[in-house]
Amino acid sequence: METTAVKLYSLDYRDAKTYLAAALFVAGNILLPQICHSVPQGGLRWLPIYFFTLVGAYKYGWRVGLLTAVLSPLVNSALFGMPAAAALPAILLKSVLLAAAAGFAARRFGRATLPLLAGVVLFYQTAGALGEWAFTGSATAAVQDFRIGIPGMLAQAAGGYLIINYLLRK
């Protein structure tokens, strides 16, 4: 059985590919939440706003991830009112933490494994929950993703692994 390593990149802000990739991942982060919000509590359960940030940052580097992390919630909120403006600080914090962690893990380890992606998801959710608790003063709000969003966290790790390793292999 032949195995080949997946190619991971770190695109630069001077490269037009950075902005093209970020635009495509932002579009994914606009479309996926719309699909998930068609079912009750779909956004809370599946955490779709983070999915393409993980894929973009891991595959193409932290710069693509950061652009995707910041633009996705802002564009979604402006166009659809979701996430609500009050939720934006916590979502932006988690998104930026995700972009940084995914970019770091990809660069540090040079491969995309399920445990690495699960670790990235666990890191951004844990650190983000602490930040959300500091923002809101509510531990209940801070751990909401851990109470309701476990399916989304699992989908991020497993789906991210599949997309990075099989769909975006080159």
C-alpha atoms as a PDB file:
ATOM      1  CA  MET A   1       0.000   0.000   0.000  1.00  0.00           C
ATOM      2  CA  GLU A   2       1.436   3.344  -1.031  1.00  0.00           C
ATOM      3  CA  THR A   3       0.970   6.409   1.143  1.00  0.00           C
ATOM      4  CA  THR A   4       1.774   9.957   0.204  1.00  0.00           C
ATOM      5  CA  ALA A   5       1.853  12.940   2.483  1.00  0.00           C
ATOM      6  CA  VAL A   6      -0.754  15.622   2.123  1.00  0.00           C
ATOM      7  CA  LYS A   7       0.624  18.978   1.019  1.00  0.00           C
ATOM      8  CA  LEU A   8       0.185  21.785   3.520  1.00  0.00           C
ATOM      9  CA  TYR A   9       0.914  25.385   2.597  1.00  0.00           C
ATOM     10  CA  SER A  10       1.554  28.687   4.311  1.00  0.00           C
ATOM     11  CA  LEU A  11       0.362  31.308   1.864  1.00  0.00           C
ATOM     12  CA  ASP A  12       1.574  34.887   2.266  1.00  0.00           C
ATOM     13  CA  TYR A  13      -0.507  38.078   2.274  1.00  0.00           C
ATOM     14  CA  ARG A  14       1.323  39.183  -0.892  1.00  0.00           C
ATOM     15  CA  ASP A  15       0.034  36.133  -2.766  1.00  0.00           C
ATOM     16  CA  ALA A  16      -3.298  36.471  -4.596  1.00  0.00           C
ATOM     17  CA  LYS A  17      -3.968  32.785  -3.831  1.00  0.00           C
ATOM     18  CA  THR A  18      -4.310  33.758  -0.172  1.00  0.00           C
ATOM     19  CA  TYR A  19      -7.286  35.988  -0.911  1.00  0.00           C
ATOM     20  CA  LEU A  20      -8.841  33.561  -3.386  1.00  0.00           C
ATOM     21  CA  ALA A  21      -8.606  30.696  -0.892  1.00  0.00           C
ATOM     22  CA  ALA A  22      -9.959  32.878   1.916  1.00  0.00           C
ATOM     23  CA  ALA A  23     -12.867  34.027  -0.287  1.00  0.00           C
ATOM     24  CA  LEU A  24     -13.763  30.416  -1.083  1.00  0.00           C
ATOM     25  CA  PHE A  25     -13.606  29.393   2.575  1.00  0.00           C
ATOM     26  CA  VAL A  26     -15.665  32.427   3.628  1.00  0.00           C
ATOM     27  CA  ALA A  27     -18.255  31.403   1.018  1.00  0.00           C
ATOM     28  CA  GLY A  28     -18.269  27.924   2.558  1.00  0.00           C
ATOM     29  CA  ASN A  29     -18.683  29.462   6.006  1.00  0.00           C
ATOM     30  CA  ILE A  30     -21.663  31.417   4.672  1.00  0.00           C
ATOM     31  CA  LEU A  31     -23.342  28.475   2.931  1.00  0.00           C
ATOM     32  CA  LEU A  32     -22.820  25.798   5.607  1.00  0.00           C
ATOM     33  CA  PRO A  33     -24.429  27.815   8.444  1.00  0.00           C
ATOM     34  CA  GLN A  34     -27.432  28.535   6.218  1.00  0.00           C
ATOM     35  CA  ILE A  35     -27.873  24.801   5.692  1.00  0.00           C
ATOM     36  CA  CYS A  36     -27.384  24.013   9.387  1.00  0.00           C
ATOM     37  CA  HIS A  37     -29.781  26.752  10.504  1.00  0.00           C
ATOM     38  CA  SER A  38     -32.563  25.073   8.515  1.00  0.00           C
ATOM     39  CA  VAL A  39     -32.966  22.627  11.423  1.00  0.00           C
ATOM     40  CA  PRO A  40     -33.760  23.615  15.036  1.00  0.00           C
ATOM     41  CA  GLN A  41     -30.611  24.465  16.989  1.00  0.00           C
ATOM     42  CA  GLY A  42     -28.527  23.551  13.937  1.00  0.00           C
ATOM     43  CA  GLY A  43     -26.072  26.380  14.489  1.00  0.00           C
ATOM     44  CA  LEU A  44     -25.624  25.620  18.181  1.00  0.00           C
ATOM     45  CA  ARG A  45     -25.306  21.898  17.594  1.00  0.00           C
ATOM     46  CA  TRP A  46     -23.110  21.799  14.475  1.00  0.00           C
ATOM     47  CA  LEU A  47     -21.002  24.986  14.981  1.00  0.00           C
ATOM     48  CA  PRO A  48     -20.784  25.483  11.200  1.00  0.00           C
ATOM     49  CA  ILE A  49     -19.171  28.938  11.261  1.00  0.00           C
ATOM     50  CA  TYR A  50     -15.857  27.353  12.281  1.00  0.00           C
ATOM     51  CA  PHE A  51     -15.621  24.469   9.808  1.00  0.00           C
ATOM     52  CA  PHE A  52     -13.972  26.111   6.810  1.00  0.00           C
ATOM     53  CA  THR A  53     -11.775  28.231   9.071  1.00  0.00           C
ATOM     54  CA  LEU A  54     -10.255  24.984  10.348  1.00  0.00           C
ATOM     55  CA  VAL A  55      -9.802  23.579   6.843  1.00  0.00           C
ATOM     56  CA  GLY A  56      -8.429  26.825   5.401  1.00  0.00           C
ATOM     57  CA  ALA A  57      -5.974  27.503   8.210  1.00  0.00           C
ATOM     58  CA  TYR A  58      -4.723  23.932   8.371  1.00  0.00           C
ATOM     59  CA  LYS A  59      -4.327  23.452   4.633  1.00  0.00           C
ATOM     60  CA  TYR A  60      -3.248  26.940   3.503  1.00  0.00           C
ATOM     61  CA  GLY A  61      -1.799  28.541   6.637  1.00  0.00           C
ATOM     62  CA  TRP A  62      -2.741  30.908   9.386  1.00  0.00           C
ATOM     63  CA  ARG A  63      -3.134  33.922   7.090  1.00  0.00           C
ATOM     64  CA  VAL A  64      -5.895  32.255   5.068  1.00  0.00           C
ATOM     65  CA  GLY A  65      -7.342  31.063   8.368  1.00  0.00           C
ATOM     66  CA  LEU A  66      -7.246  34.511   9.930  1.00  0.00           C
ATOM     67  CA  LEU A  67      -8.951  36.148   6.947  1.00  0.00           C
ATOM     68  CA  THR A  68     -11.604  33.422   6.989  1.00  0.00           C
ATOM     69  CA  ALA A  69     -11.972  33.609  10.782  1.00  0.00           C
ATOM     70  CA  VAL A  70     -12.624  37.342  10.833  1.00  0.00           C
ATOM     71  CA  LEU A  71     -14.626  37.768   7.648  1.00  0.00           C
ATOM     72  CA  SER A  72     -16.973  34.780   8.000  1.00  0.00           C
ATOM     73  CA  PRO A  73     -18.833  35.848  11.167  1.00  0.00           C
ATOM     74  CA  LEU A  74     -18.879  39.514  10.143  1.00  0.00           C
ATOM     75  CA  VAL A  75     -20.293  38.819   6.674  1.00  0.00           C
ATOM     76  CA  ASN A  76     -22.815  36.306   8.034  1.00  0.00           C
ATOM     77  CA  SER A  77     -23.955  38.755  10.689  1.00  0.00           C
ATOM     78  CA  ALA A  78     -24.252  41.618   8.189  1.00  0.00           C
ATOM     79  CA  LEU A  79     -26.145  39.553   5.603  1.00  0.00           C
ATOM     80  CA  PHE A  80     -28.310  37.301   7.770  1.00  0.00           C
ATOM     81  CA  GLY A  81     -28.212  38.663  11.327  1.00  0.00           C
ATOM     82  CA  MET A  82     -26.600  35.429  12.495  1.00  0.00           C
ATOM     83  CA  PRO A  83     -24.548  35.321  14.530  1.00  0.00           C
ATOM     84  CA  ALA A  84     -26.190  38.066  16.543  1.00  0.00           C
ATOM     85  CA  ALA A  85     -24.029  41.136  17.141  1.00  0.00           C
ATOM     86  CA  ALA A  86     -23.858  40.346  20.869  1.00  0.00           C
ATOM     87  CA  ALA A  87     -22.331  36.940  20.098  1.00  0.00           C
ATOM     88  CA  LEU A  88     -19.686  38.277  17.703  1.00  0.00           C
ATOM     89  CA  PRO A  89     -16.887  38.943  20.239  1.00  0.00           C
ATOM     90  CA  ALA A  90     -16.900  35.344  21.515  1.00  0.00           C
ATOM     91  CA  ILE A  91     -17.265  33.867  18.022  1.00  0.00           C
ATOM     92  CA  LEU A  92     -14.487  36.063  16.646  1.00  0.00           C
ATOM     93  CA  LEU A  93     -12.238  35.081  19.556  1.00  0.00           C
ATOM     94  CA  LYS A  94     -12.855  31.379  18.964  1.00  0.00           C
ATOM     95  CA  SER A  95     -12.418  31.791  15.210  1.00  0.00           C
ATOM     96  CA  VAL A  96      -9.081  33.571  15.598  1.00  0.00           C
ATOM     97  CA  LEU A  97      -7.894  30.995  18.152  1.00  0.00           C
ATOM     98  CA  LEU A  98      -8.898  28.253  15.713  1.00  0.00           C
ATOM     99  CA  ALA A  99      -7.018  29.865  12.819  1.00  0.00           C
ATOM    100  CA  ALA A 100      -3.889  30.310  14.944  1.00  0.00           C
ATOM    101  CA  ALA A 101      -4.006  26.793  16.402  1.00  0.00           C
ATOM    102  CA  ALA A 102      -4.680  25.111  13.055  1.00  0.00           C
ATOM    103  CA  GLY A 103      -1.944  27.072  11.307  1.00  0.00           C
ATOM    104  CA  PHE A 104       0.494  26.299  14.120  1.00  0.00           C
ATOM    105  CA  ALA A 105      -0.316  22.575  14.216  1.00  0.00           C
ATOM    106  CA  ALA A 106      -0.008  22.212  10.450  1.00  0.00           C
ATOM    107  CA  ARG A 107       3.338  24.004  10.415  1.00  0.00           C
ATOM    108  CA  ARG A 108       4.685  22.242  13.499  1.00  0.00           C
ATOM    109  CA  PHE A 109       3.668  18.675  12.630  1.00  0.00           C
ATOM    110  CA  GLY A 110       3.500  18.820   8.831  1.00  0.00           C
ATOM    111  CA  ARG A 111       0.628  16.372   8.595  1.00  0.00           C
ATOM    112  CA  ALA A 112      -3.123  16.286   9.141  1.00  0.00           C
ATOM    113  CA  THR A 113      -4.179  13.459  11.437  1.00  0.00           C
ATOM    114  CA  LEU A 114      -7.464  12.983  13.228  1.00  0.00           C
ATOM    115  CA  PRO A 115      -5.856  13.357  16.694  1.00  0.00           C
ATOM    116  CA  LEU A 116      -4.113  16.590  15.633  1.00  0.00           C
ATOM    117  CA  LEU A 117      -7.323  18.079  14.245  1.00  0.00           C
ATOM    118  CA  ALA A 118      -9.255  16.969  17.337  1.00  0.00           C
ATOM    119  CA  GLY A 119      -6.576  18.629  19.476  1.00  0.00           C
ATOM    120  CA  VAL A 120      -6.916  21.871  17.516  1.00  0.00           C
ATOM    121  CA  VAL A 121     -10.700  21.808  17.984  1.00  0.00           C
ATOM    122  CA  LEU A 122     -10.390  21.021  21.697  1.00  0.00           C
ATOM    123  CA  PHE A 123      -7.829  23.814  22.151  1.00  0.00           C
ATOM    124  CA  TYR A 124      -9.840  26.562  20.458  1.00  0.00           C
ATOM    125  CA  GLN A 125     -13.037  25.527  22.226  1.00  0.00           C
ATOM    126  CA  THR A 126     -11.400  25.379  25.661  1.00  0.00           C
ATOM    127  CA  ALA A 127      -9.431  28.618  25.320  1.00  0.00           C
ATOM    128  CA  GLY A 128     -12.420  30.249  23.634  1.00  0.00           C
ATOM    129  CA  ALA A 129     -14.735  29.179  26.460  1.00  0.00           C
ATOM    130  CA  LEU A 130     -12.399  30.807  28.985  1.00  0.00           C
ATOM    131  CA  GLY A 131     -12.371  33.978  26.894  1.00  0.00           C
ATOM    132  CA  GLU A 132     -16.149  33.917  26.514  1.00  0.00           C
ATOM    133  CA  TRP A 133     -16.506  33.511  30.266  1.00  0.00           C
ATOM    134  CA  ALA A 134     -14.296  36.574  30.737  1.00  0.00           C
ATOM    135  CA  PHE A 135     -16.376  38.541  28.175  1.00  0.00           C
ATOM    136  CA  THR A 136     -19.804  37.558  29.477  1.00  0.00           C
ATOM    137  CA  GLY A 137     -19.205  36.659  33.105  1.00  0.00           C
ATOM    138  CA  SER A 138     -21.402  33.608  32.487  1.00  0.00           C
ATOM    139  CA  ALA A 139     -19.893  30.156  32.852  1.00  0.00           C
ATOM    140  CA  THR A 140     -23.118  28.696  31.437  1.00  0.00           C
ATOM    141  CA  ALA A 141     -22.780  30.680  28.209  1.00  0.00           C
ATOM    142  CA  ALA A 142     -19.072  29.881  28.050  1.00  0.00           C
ATOM    143  CA  VAL A 143     -19.573  26.107  28.120  1.00  0.00           C
ATOM    144  CA  GLN A 144     -22.591  26.065  25.798  1.00  0.00           C
ATOM    145  CA  ASP A 145     -20.545  24.606  22.929  1.00  0.00           C
ATOM    146  CA  PHE A 146     -19.478  21.747  25.205  1.00  0.00           C
ATOM    147  CA  ARG A 147     -23.083  21.137  26.281  1.00  0.00           C
ATOM    148  CA  ILE A 148     -24.728  21.342  22.850  1.00  0.00           C
ATOM    149  CA  GLY A 149     -21.980  21.476  20.229  1.00  0.00           C
ATOM    150  CA  ILE A 150     -20.210  18.132  20.685  1.00  0.00           C
ATOM    151  CA  PRO A 151     -21.593  16.834  17.346  1.00  0.00           C
ATOM    152  CA  GLY A 152     -20.190  19.927  15.638  1.00  0.00           C
ATOM    153  CA  MET A 153     -16.786  19.527  17.256  1.00  0.00           C
ATOM    154  CA  LEU A 154     -16.639  15.903  16.151  1.00  0.00           C
ATOM    155  CA  ALA A 155     -17.774  16.883  12.645  1.00  0.00           C
ATOM    156  CA  GLN A 156     -15.088  19.574  12.477  1.00  0.00           C
ATOM    157  CA  ALA A 157     -12.312  17.137  13.361  1.00  0.00           C
ATOM    158  CA  ALA A 158     -13.554  14.246  11.200  1.00  0.00           C
ATOM    159  CA  GLY A 159     -14.788  16.366   8.298  1.00  0.00           C
ATOM    160  CA  GLY A 160     -11.682  18.536   8.379  1.00  0.00           C
ATOM    161  CA  TYR A 161      -9.511  15.435   8.289  1.00  0.00           C
ATOM    162  CA  LEU A 162     -11.389  14.014   5.298  1.00  0.00           C
ATOM    163  CA  ILE A 163     -11.400  17.251   3.320  1.00  0.00           C
ATOM    164  CA  ILE A 164      -7.741  18.084   3.973  1.00  0.00           C
ATOM    165  CA  ASN A 165      -6.481  14.557   3.299  1.00  0.00           C
ATOM    166  CA  TYR A 166      -8.739  13.459   0.469  1.00  0.00           C
ATOM    167  CA  LEU A 167     -10.554  16.363  -1.191  1.00  0.00           C
ATOM    168  CA  LEU A 168      -7.785  19.004  -1.046  1.00  0.00           C
ATOM    169  CA  ARG A 169      -4.917  16.533  -1.257  1.00  0.00           C
ATOM    170  CA  LYS A 170      -2.713  18.619  -3.583  1.00  0.00           C
END
